[in-house]
Amino acid sequence: MENVVLYDEMGNEVEFEVVTKLEIEDNEYFIVVPLERLENEDGEAIALKVDKDDKGEEVLTVVDDDDEFNMVAEAYEILFSE
């Protein structure tokens, strides 16, 4: 797949590998993992949702709603269990 560059809370660039893209209930999600793992990070996958900003441009937001995250995690597990 491809890589994406996102910015952390401090404004630093962090490069992620896109593991897969999922479409669920008319929403698009990316599952990403950081390319460089810091010693204090476990490198787990992160679920990102494609949203639109005020200008109508696509932006990636972290899925932090528990129900939505569980739905994405379940779809991911089904996809990779086959």
PDB file of N, CA and C in Angstrom:
ATOM      1  N   MET A   1       0.836  -1.174   0.000  1.00  0.00           N
ATOM      2  CA  MET A   1       0.000   0.000   0.000  1.00  0.00           C
ATOM      3  C   MET A   1       0.886   1.244   0.000  1.00  0.00           C
ATOM      4  N   GLU A   2       0.337   2.327   0.408  1.00  0.00           N
ATOM      5  CA  GLU A   2       1.026   3.606   0.369  1.00  0.00           C
ATOM      6  C   GLU A   2       1.329   4.100   1.776  1.00  0.00           C
ATOM      7  N   ASN A   3       2.053   5.205   1.846  1.00  0.00           N
ATOM      8  CA  ASN A   3       2.347   5.844   3.118  1.00  0.00           C
ATOM      9  C   ASN A   3       1.661   7.203   3.166  1.00  0.00           C
ATOM     10  N   VAL A   4       1.339   7.654   4.376  1.00  0.00           N
ATOM     11  CA  VAL A   4       0.787   8.990   4.578  1.00  0.00           C
ATOM     12  C   VAL A   4       1.588   9.681   5.667  1.00  0.00           C
ATOM     13  N   VAL A   5       1.674  10.996   5.577  1.00  0.00           N
ATOM     14  CA  VAL A   5       2.357  11.789   6.592  1.00  0.00           C
ATOM     15  C   VAL A   5       1.298  12.566   7.360  1.00  0.00           C
ATOM     16  N   LEU A   6       1.304  12.402   8.675  1.00  0.00           N
ATOM     17  CA  LEU A   6       0.385  13.113   9.559  1.00  0.00           C
ATOM     18  C   LEU A   6       1.216  13.908  10.558  1.00  0.00           C
ATOM     19  N   TYR A   7       0.552  14.770  11.304  1.00  0.00           N
ATOM     20  CA  TYR A   7       1.248  15.602  12.284  1.00  0.00           C
ATOM     21  C   TYR A   7       0.766  15.260  13.688  1.00  0.00           C
ATOM     22  N   ASP A   8       1.726  15.137  14.617  1.00  0.00           N
ATOM     23  CA  ASP A   8       1.363  14.842  16.001  1.00  0.00           C
ATOM     24  C   ASP A   8       0.975  16.124  16.735  1.00  0.00           C
ATOM     25  N   GLU A   9       0.724  16.012  18.041  1.00  0.00           N
ATOM     26  CA  GLU A   9       0.284  17.152  18.841  1.00  0.00           C
ATOM     27  C   GLU A   9       1.307  18.280  18.880  1.00  0.00           C
ATOM     28  N   MET A  10       2.568  17.951  18.649  1.00  0.00           N
ATOM     29  CA  MET A  10       3.649  18.936  18.695  1.00  0.00           C
ATOM     30  C   MET A  10       3.943  19.534  17.320  1.00  0.00           C
ATOM     31  N   GLY A  11       3.206  19.095  16.297  1.00  0.00           N
ATOM     32  CA  GLY A  11       3.427  19.598  14.942  1.00  0.00           C
ATOM     33  C   GLY A  11       4.517  18.869  14.183  1.00  0.00           C
ATOM     34  N   ASN A  12       5.003  17.763  14.739  1.00  0.00           N
ATOM     35  CA  ASN A  12       6.043  16.979  14.078  1.00  0.00           C
ATOM     36  C   ASN A  12       5.426  16.039  13.051  1.00  0.00           C
ATOM     37  N   GLU A  13       6.114  15.886  11.923  1.00  0.00           N
ATOM     38  CA  GLU A  13       5.652  14.944  10.907  1.00  0.00           C
ATOM     39  C   GLU A  13       5.885  13.518  11.377  1.00  0.00           C
ATOM     40  N   VAL A  14       4.892  12.664  11.166  1.00  0.00           N
ATOM     41  CA  VAL A  14       5.010  11.246  11.484  1.00  0.00           C
ATOM     42  C   VAL A  14       4.510  10.485  10.266  1.00  0.00           C
ATOM     43  N   GLU A  15       5.347   9.584   9.760  1.00  0.00           N
ATOM     44  CA  GLU A  15       4.963   8.827   8.570  1.00  0.00           C
ATOM     45  C   GLU A  15       4.336   7.500   8.978  1.00  0.00           C
ATOM     46  N   PHE A  16       3.228   7.174   8.328  1.00  0.00           N
ATOM     47  CA  PHE A  16       2.488   5.949   8.599  1.00  0.00           C
ATOM     48  C   PHE A  16       2.358   5.127   7.327  1.00  0.00           C
ATOM     49  N   GLU A  17       2.355   3.816   7.499  1.00  0.00           N
ATOM     50  CA  GLU A  17       2.052   2.908   6.398  1.00  0.00           C
ATOM     51  C   GLU A  17       0.561   2.602   6.442  1.00  0.00           C
ATOM     52  N   VAL A  18      -0.092   2.731   5.292  1.00  0.00           N
ATOM     53  CA  VAL A  18      -1.505   2.381   5.199  1.00  0.00           C
ATOM     54  C   VAL A  18      -1.589   0.867   5.042  1.00  0.00           C
ATOM     55  N   VAL A  19      -2.179   0.197   6.025  1.00  0.00           N
ATOM     56  CA  VAL A  19      -2.315  -1.255   6.000  1.00  0.00           C
ATOM     57  C   VAL A  19      -3.463  -1.655   5.082  1.00  0.00           C
ATOM     58  N   THR A  20      -4.587  -0.961   5.220  1.00  0.00           N
ATOM     59  CA  THR A  20      -5.742  -1.249   4.374  1.00  0.00           C
ATOM     60  C   THR A  20      -6.703  -0.077   4.410  1.00  0.00           C
ATOM     61  N   LYS A  21      -7.621  -0.085   3.471  1.00  0.00           N
ATOM     62  CA  LYS A  21      -8.691   0.908   3.410  1.00  0.00           C
ATOM     63  C   LYS A  21     -10.001   0.145   3.480  1.00  0.00           C
ATOM     64  N   LEU A  22     -10.933   0.619   4.298  1.00  0.00           N
ATOM     65  CA  LEU A  22     -12.224  -0.041   4.478  1.00  0.00           C
ATOM     66  C   LEU A  22     -13.348   0.937   4.172  1.00  0.00           C
ATOM     67  N   GLU A  23     -14.417   0.428   3.576  1.00  0.00           N
ATOM     68  CA  GLU A  23     -15.630   1.222   3.400  1.00  0.00           C
ATOM     69  C   GLU A  23     -16.733   0.549   4.197  1.00  0.00           C
ATOM     70  N   ILE A  24     -17.265   1.285   5.177  1.00  0.00           N
ATOM     71  CA  ILE A  24     -18.285   0.751   6.079  1.00  0.00           C
ATOM     72  C   ILE A  24     -19.392   1.788   6.214  1.00  0.00           C
ATOM     73  N   GLU A  25     -20.616   1.373   5.933  1.00  0.00           N
ATOM     74  CA  GLU A  25     -21.783   2.244   6.090  1.00  0.00           C
ATOM     75  C   GLU A  25     -21.555   3.628   5.481  1.00  0.00           C
ATOM     76  N   ASP A  26     -21.141   3.661   4.225  1.00  0.00           N
ATOM     77  CA  ASP A  26     -20.914   4.908   3.477  1.00  0.00           C
ATOM     78  C   ASP A  26     -19.799   5.778   4.047  1.00  0.00           C
ATOM     79  N   ASN A  27     -18.952   5.225   4.898  1.00  0.00           N
ATOM     80  CA  ASN A  27     -17.790   5.941   5.420  1.00  0.00           C
ATOM     81  C   ASN A  27     -16.524   5.219   4.985  1.00  0.00           C
ATOM     82  N   GLU A  28     -15.452   5.983   4.832  1.00  0.00           N
ATOM     83  CA  GLU A  28     -14.173   5.422   4.416  1.00  0.00           C
ATOM     84  C   GLU A  28     -13.199   5.515   5.589  1.00  0.00           C
ATOM     85  N   TYR A  29     -12.472   4.424   5.830  1.00  0.00           N
ATOM     86  CA  TYR A  29     -11.531   4.347   6.939  1.00  0.00           C
ATOM     87  C   TYR A  29     -10.182   3.848   6.431  1.00  0.00           C
ATOM     88  N   PHE A  30      -9.117   4.298   7.078  1.00  0.00           N
ATOM     89  CA  PHE A  30      -7.777   3.789   6.824  1.00  0.00           C
ATOM     90  C   PHE A  30      -7.259   3.179   8.120  1.00  0.00           C
ATOM     91  N   ILE A  31      -6.611   2.030   8.006  1.00  0.00           N
ATOM     92  CA  ILE A  31      -5.898   1.432   9.133  1.00  0.00           C
ATOM     93  C   ILE A  31      -4.423   1.684   8.853  1.00  0.00           C
ATOM     94  N   VAL A  32      -3.748   2.373   9.774  1.00  0.00           N
ATOM     95  CA  VAL A  32      -2.355   2.755   9.570  1.00  0.00           C
ATOM     96  C   VAL A  32      -1.506   2.323  10.759  1.00  0.00           C
ATOM     97  N   VAL A  33      -0.204   2.153  10.498  1.00  0.00           N
ATOM     98  CA  VAL A  33       0.768   1.889  11.566  1.00  0.00           C
ATOM     99  C   VAL A  33       1.951   2.831  11.355  1.00  0.00           C
ATOM    100  N   PRO A  34       2.531   3.341  12.441  1.00  0.00           N
ATOM    101  CA  PRO A  34       3.679   4.245  12.297  1.00  0.00           C
ATOM    102  C   PRO A  34       4.884   3.499  11.738  1.00  0.00           C
ATOM    103  N   LEU A  35       5.607   4.147  10.809  1.00  0.00           N
ATOM    104  CA  LEU A  35       6.803   3.515  10.253  1.00  0.00           C
ATOM    105  C   LEU A  35       7.921   3.454  11.284  1.00  0.00           C
ATOM    106  N   GLU A  36       8.079   4.513  12.047  1.00  0.00           N
ATOM    107  CA  GLU A  36       9.103   4.529  13.095  1.00  0.00           C
ATOM    108  C   GLU A  36       8.411   4.438  14.442  1.00  0.00           C
ATOM    109  N   ARG A  37       8.729   3.402  15.171  1.00  0.00           N
ATOM    110  CA  ARG A  37       8.118   3.223  16.490  1.00  0.00           C
ATOM    111  C   ARG A  37       9.087   3.726  17.557  1.00  0.00           C
ATOM    112  N   LEU A  38       8.591   4.602  18.388  1.00  0.00           N
ATOM    113  CA  LEU A  38       9.412   5.090  19.491  1.00  0.00           C
ATOM    114  C   LEU A  38       9.451   4.036  20.583  1.00  0.00           C
ATOM    115  N   GLU A  39      10.449   4.118  21.450  1.00  0.00           N
ATOM    116  CA  GLU A  39      10.614   3.112  22.498  1.00  0.00           C
ATOM    117  C   GLU A  39       9.391   2.999  23.399  1.00  0.00           C
ATOM    118  N   ASN A  40       8.700   4.111  23.634  1.00  0.00           N
ATOM    119  CA  ASN A  40       7.565   4.069  24.550  1.00  0.00           C
ATOM    120  C   ASN A  40       6.247   3.779  23.839  1.00  0.00           C
ATOM    121  N   GLU A  41       6.289   3.495  22.548  1.00  0.00           N
ATOM    122  CA  GLU A  41       5.068   3.182  21.813  1.00  0.00           C
ATOM    123  C   GLU A  41       5.054   1.710  21.443  1.00  0.00           C
ATOM    124  N   ASP A  42       3.865   1.145  21.371  1.00  0.00           N
ATOM    125  CA  ASP A  42       3.759  -0.264  21.023  1.00  0.00           C
ATOM    126  C   ASP A  42       3.533  -0.479  19.534  1.00  0.00           C
ATOM    127  N   GLY A  43       3.330   0.570  18.758  1.00  0.00           N
ATOM    128  CA  GLY A  43       3.200   0.440  17.320  1.00  0.00           C
ATOM    129  C   GLY A  43       1.904  -0.181  16.849  1.00  0.00           C
ATOM    130  N   GLU A  44       0.877  -0.131  17.671  1.00  0.00           N
ATOM    131  CA  GLU A  44      -0.400  -0.712  17.275  1.00  0.00           C
ATOM    132  C   GLU A  44      -1.019   0.080  16.133  1.00  0.00           C
ATOM    133  N   ALA A  45      -1.902  -0.578  15.410  1.00  0.00           N
ATOM    134  CA  ALA A  45      -2.599   0.063  14.302  1.00  0.00           C
ATOM    135  C   ALA A  45      -3.541   1.144  14.818  1.00  0.00           C
ATOM    136  N   ILE A  46      -3.737   2.156  13.987  1.00  0.00           N
ATOM    137  CA  ILE A  46      -4.622   3.271  14.303  1.00  0.00           C
ATOM    138  C   ILE A  46      -5.702   3.328  13.232  1.00  0.00           C
ATOM    139  N   ALA A  47      -6.945   3.519  13.649  1.00  0.00           N
ATOM    140  CA  ALA A  47      -8.059   3.649  12.707  1.00  0.00           C
ATOM    141  C   ALA A  47      -8.322   5.130  12.459  1.00  0.00           C
ATOM    142  N   LEU A  48      -8.318   5.522  11.180  1.00  0.00           N
ATOM    143  CA  LEU A  48      -8.589   6.899  10.787  1.00  0.00           C
ATOM    144  C   LEU A  48      -9.815   6.934   9.894  1.00  0.00           C
ATOM    145  N   LYS A  49     -10.645   7.938  10.086  1.00  0.00           N
ATOM    146  CA  LYS A  49     -11.857   8.106   9.283  1.00  0.00           C
ATOM    147  C   LYS A  49     -11.658   9.279   8.331  1.00  0.00           C
ATOM    148  N   VAL A  50     -12.120   9.123   7.100  1.00  0.00           N
ATOM    149  CA  VAL A  50     -12.077  10.215   6.139  1.00  0.00           C
ATOM    150  C   VAL A  50     -13.302  11.094   6.384  1.00  0.00           C
ATOM    151  N   ASP A  51     -13.061  12.336   6.780  1.00  0.00           N
ATOM    152  CA  ASP A  51     -14.119  13.316   7.021  1.00  0.00           C
ATOM    153  C   ASP A  51     -13.918  14.487   6.069  1.00  0.00           C
ATOM    154  N   LYS A  52     -14.826  15.432   6.111  1.00  0.00           N
ATOM    155  CA  LYS A  52     -14.700  16.668   5.330  1.00  0.00           C
ATOM    156  C   LYS A  52     -14.586  17.832   6.306  1.00  0.00           C
ATOM    157  N   ASP A  53     -13.689  18.776   5.991  1.00  0.00           N
ATOM    158  CA  ASP A  53     -13.571  19.967   6.831  1.00  0.00           C
ATOM    159  C   ASP A  53     -14.576  21.025   6.380  1.00  0.00           C
ATOM    160  N   ASP A  54     -14.489  22.216   6.958  1.00  0.00           N
ATOM    161  CA  ASP A  54     -15.430  23.296   6.654  1.00  0.00           C
ATOM    162  C   ASP A  54     -15.402  23.709   5.184  1.00  0.00           C
ATOM    163  N   LYS A  55     -14.266  23.476   4.528  1.00  0.00           N
ATOM    164  CA  LYS A  55     -14.120  23.848   3.120  1.00  0.00           C
ATOM    165  C   LYS A  55     -14.501  22.710   2.183  1.00  0.00           C
ATOM    166  N   GLY A  56     -14.914  21.578   2.756  1.00  0.00           N
ATOM    167  CA  GLY A  56     -15.289  20.429   1.946  1.00  0.00           C
ATOM    168  C   GLY A  56     -14.121  19.558   1.518  1.00  0.00           C
ATOM    169  N   GLU A  57     -12.939  19.836   2.068  1.00  0.00           N
ATOM    170  CA  GLU A  57     -11.757  19.043   1.733  1.00  0.00           C
ATOM    171  C   GLU A  57     -11.667  17.836   2.661  1.00  0.00           C
ATOM    172  N   GLU A  58     -11.138  16.736   2.125  1.00  0.00           N
ATOM    173  CA  GLU A  58     -11.012  15.520   2.920  1.00  0.00           C
ATOM    174  C   GLU A  58      -9.907  15.662   3.957  1.00  0.00           C
ATOM    175  N   VAL A  59     -10.211  15.212   5.167  1.00  0.00           N
ATOM    176  CA  VAL A  59      -9.243  15.181   6.260  1.00  0.00           C
ATOM    177  C   VAL A  59      -9.360  13.837   6.964  1.00  0.00           C
ATOM    178  N   LEU A  60      -8.271  13.397   7.571  1.00  0.00           N
ATOM    179  CA  LEU A  60      -8.271  12.152   8.334  1.00  0.00           C
ATOM    180  C   LEU A  60      -8.394  12.480   9.814  1.00  0.00           C
ATOM    181  N   THR A  61      -9.329  11.812  10.488  1.00  0.00           N
ATOM    182  CA  THR A  61      -9.498  12.003  11.925  1.00  0.00           C
ATOM    183  C   THR A  61      -9.411  10.648  12.620  1.00  0.00           C
ATOM    184  N   VAL A  62      -8.839  10.640  13.805  1.00  0.00           N
ATOM    185  CA  VAL A  62      -8.717   9.408  14.580  1.00  0.00           C
ATOM    186  C   VAL A  62     -10.106   8.978  15.044  1.00  0.00           C
ATOM    187  N   VAL A  63     -10.389   7.688  14.892  1.00  0.00           N
ATOM    188  CA  VAL A  63     -11.665   7.140  15.363  1.00  0.00           C
ATOM    189  C   VAL A  63     -11.543   6.963  16.868  1.00  0.00           C
ATOM    190  N   ASP A  64     -12.239   7.813  17.628  1.00  0.00           N
ATOM    191  CA  ASP A  64     -12.152   7.719  19.085  1.00  0.00           C
ATOM    192  C   ASP A  64     -13.471   7.334  19.741  1.00  0.00           C
ATOM    193  N   ASP A  65     -14.533   7.228  18.968  1.00  0.00           N
ATOM    194  CA  ASP A  65     -15.807   6.733  19.487  1.00  0.00           C
ATOM    195  C   ASP A  65     -15.709   5.213  19.628  1.00  0.00           C
ATOM    196  N   ASP A  66     -15.985   4.689  20.819  1.00  0.00           N
ATOM    197  CA  ASP A  66     -15.812   3.257  21.083  1.00  0.00           C
ATOM    198  C   ASP A  66     -16.643   2.375  20.157  1.00  0.00           C
ATOM    199  N   ASP A  67     -17.903   2.720  19.948  1.00  0.00           N
ATOM    200  CA  ASP A  67     -18.763   1.901  19.088  1.00  0.00           C
ATOM    201  C   ASP A  67     -18.266   1.897  17.649  1.00  0.00           C
ATOM    202  N   GLU A  68     -17.887   3.072  17.159  1.00  0.00           N
ATOM    203  CA  GLU A  68     -17.383   3.165  15.787  1.00  0.00           C
ATOM    204  C   GLU A  68     -16.063   2.415  15.652  1.00  0.00           C
ATOM    205  N   PHE A  69     -15.179   2.562  16.654  1.00  0.00           N
ATOM    206  CA  PHE A  69     -13.902   1.856  16.621  1.00  0.00           C
ATOM    207  C   PHE A  69     -14.118   0.348  16.605  1.00  0.00           C
ATOM    208  N   ASN A  70     -15.025  -0.144  17.439  1.00  0.00           N
ATOM    209  CA  ASN A  70     -15.303  -1.582  17.479  1.00  0.00           C
ATOM    210  C   ASN A  70     -15.836  -2.081  16.143  1.00  0.00           C
ATOM    211  N   MET A  71     -16.661  -1.280  15.472  1.00  0.00           N
ATOM    212  CA  MET A  71     -17.191  -1.646  14.165  1.00  0.00           C
ATOM    213  C   MET A  71     -16.059  -1.761  13.138  1.00  0.00           C
ATOM    214  N   VAL A  72     -15.138  -0.798  13.156  1.00  0.00           N
ATOM    215  CA  VAL A  72     -14.007  -0.817  12.228  1.00  0.00           C
ATOM    216  C   VAL A  72     -13.077  -1.986  12.555  1.00  0.00           C
ATOM    217  N   ALA A  73     -12.810  -2.219  13.838  1.00  0.00           N
ATOM    218  CA  ALA A  73     -11.940  -3.322  14.250  1.00  0.00           C
ATOM    219  C   ALA A  73     -12.523  -4.664  13.834  1.00  0.00           C
ATOM    220  N   GLU A  74     -13.831  -4.815  13.965  1.00  0.00           N
ATOM    221  CA  GLU A  74     -14.483  -6.064  13.567  1.00  0.00           C
ATOM    222  C   GLU A  74     -14.375  -6.279  12.055  1.00  0.00           C
ATOM    223  N   ALA A  75     -14.583  -5.233  11.283  1.00  0.00           N
ATOM    224  CA  ALA A  75     -14.465  -5.341   9.824  1.00  0.00           C
ATOM    225  C   ALA A  75     -13.032  -5.687   9.431  1.00  0.00           C
ATOM    226  N   TYR A  76     -12.062  -5.094  10.112  1.00  0.00           N
ATOM    227  CA  TYR A  76     -10.649  -5.371   9.860  1.00  0.00           C
ATOM    228  C   TYR A  76     -10.332  -6.832  10.158  1.00  0.00           C
ATOM    229  N   GLU A  77     -10.806  -7.326  11.294  1.00  0.00           N
ATOM    230  CA  GLU A  77     -10.555  -8.720  11.673  1.00  0.00           C
ATOM    231  C   GLU A  77     -11.179  -9.687  10.678  1.00  0.00           C
ATOM    232  N   ILE A  78     -12.385  -9.392  10.217  1.00  0.00           N
ATOM    233  CA  ILE A  78     -13.045 -10.254   9.229  1.00  0.00           C
ATOM    234  C   ILE A  78     -12.247 -10.269   7.932  1.00  0.00           C
ATOM    235  N   LEU A  79     -11.796  -9.105   7.498  1.00  0.00           N
ATOM    236  CA  LEU A  79     -11.037  -8.994   6.254  1.00  0.00           C
ATOM    237  C   LEU A  79      -9.753  -9.811   6.305  1.00  0.00           C
ATOM    238  N   PHE A  80      -9.044  -9.747   7.426  1.00  0.00           N
ATOM    239  CA  PHE A  80      -7.752 -10.415   7.512  1.00  0.00           C
ATOM    240  C   PHE A  80      -7.816 -11.823   8.094  1.00  0.00           C
ATOM    241  N   SER A  81      -9.005 -12.311   8.424  1.00  0.00           N
ATOM    242  CA  SER A  81      -9.125 -13.687   8.903  1.00  0.00           C
ATOM    243  C   SER A  81      -9.376 -14.652   7.752  1.00  0.00           C
ATOM    244  N   GLU A  82      -9.645 -14.105   6.574  1.00  0.00           N
ATOM    245  CA  GLU A  82      -9.940 -14.958   5.405  1.00  0.00           C
ATOM    246  C   GLU A  82      -8.683 -15.484   4.773  1.00  0.00           C
TER     247      GLU A  82
END
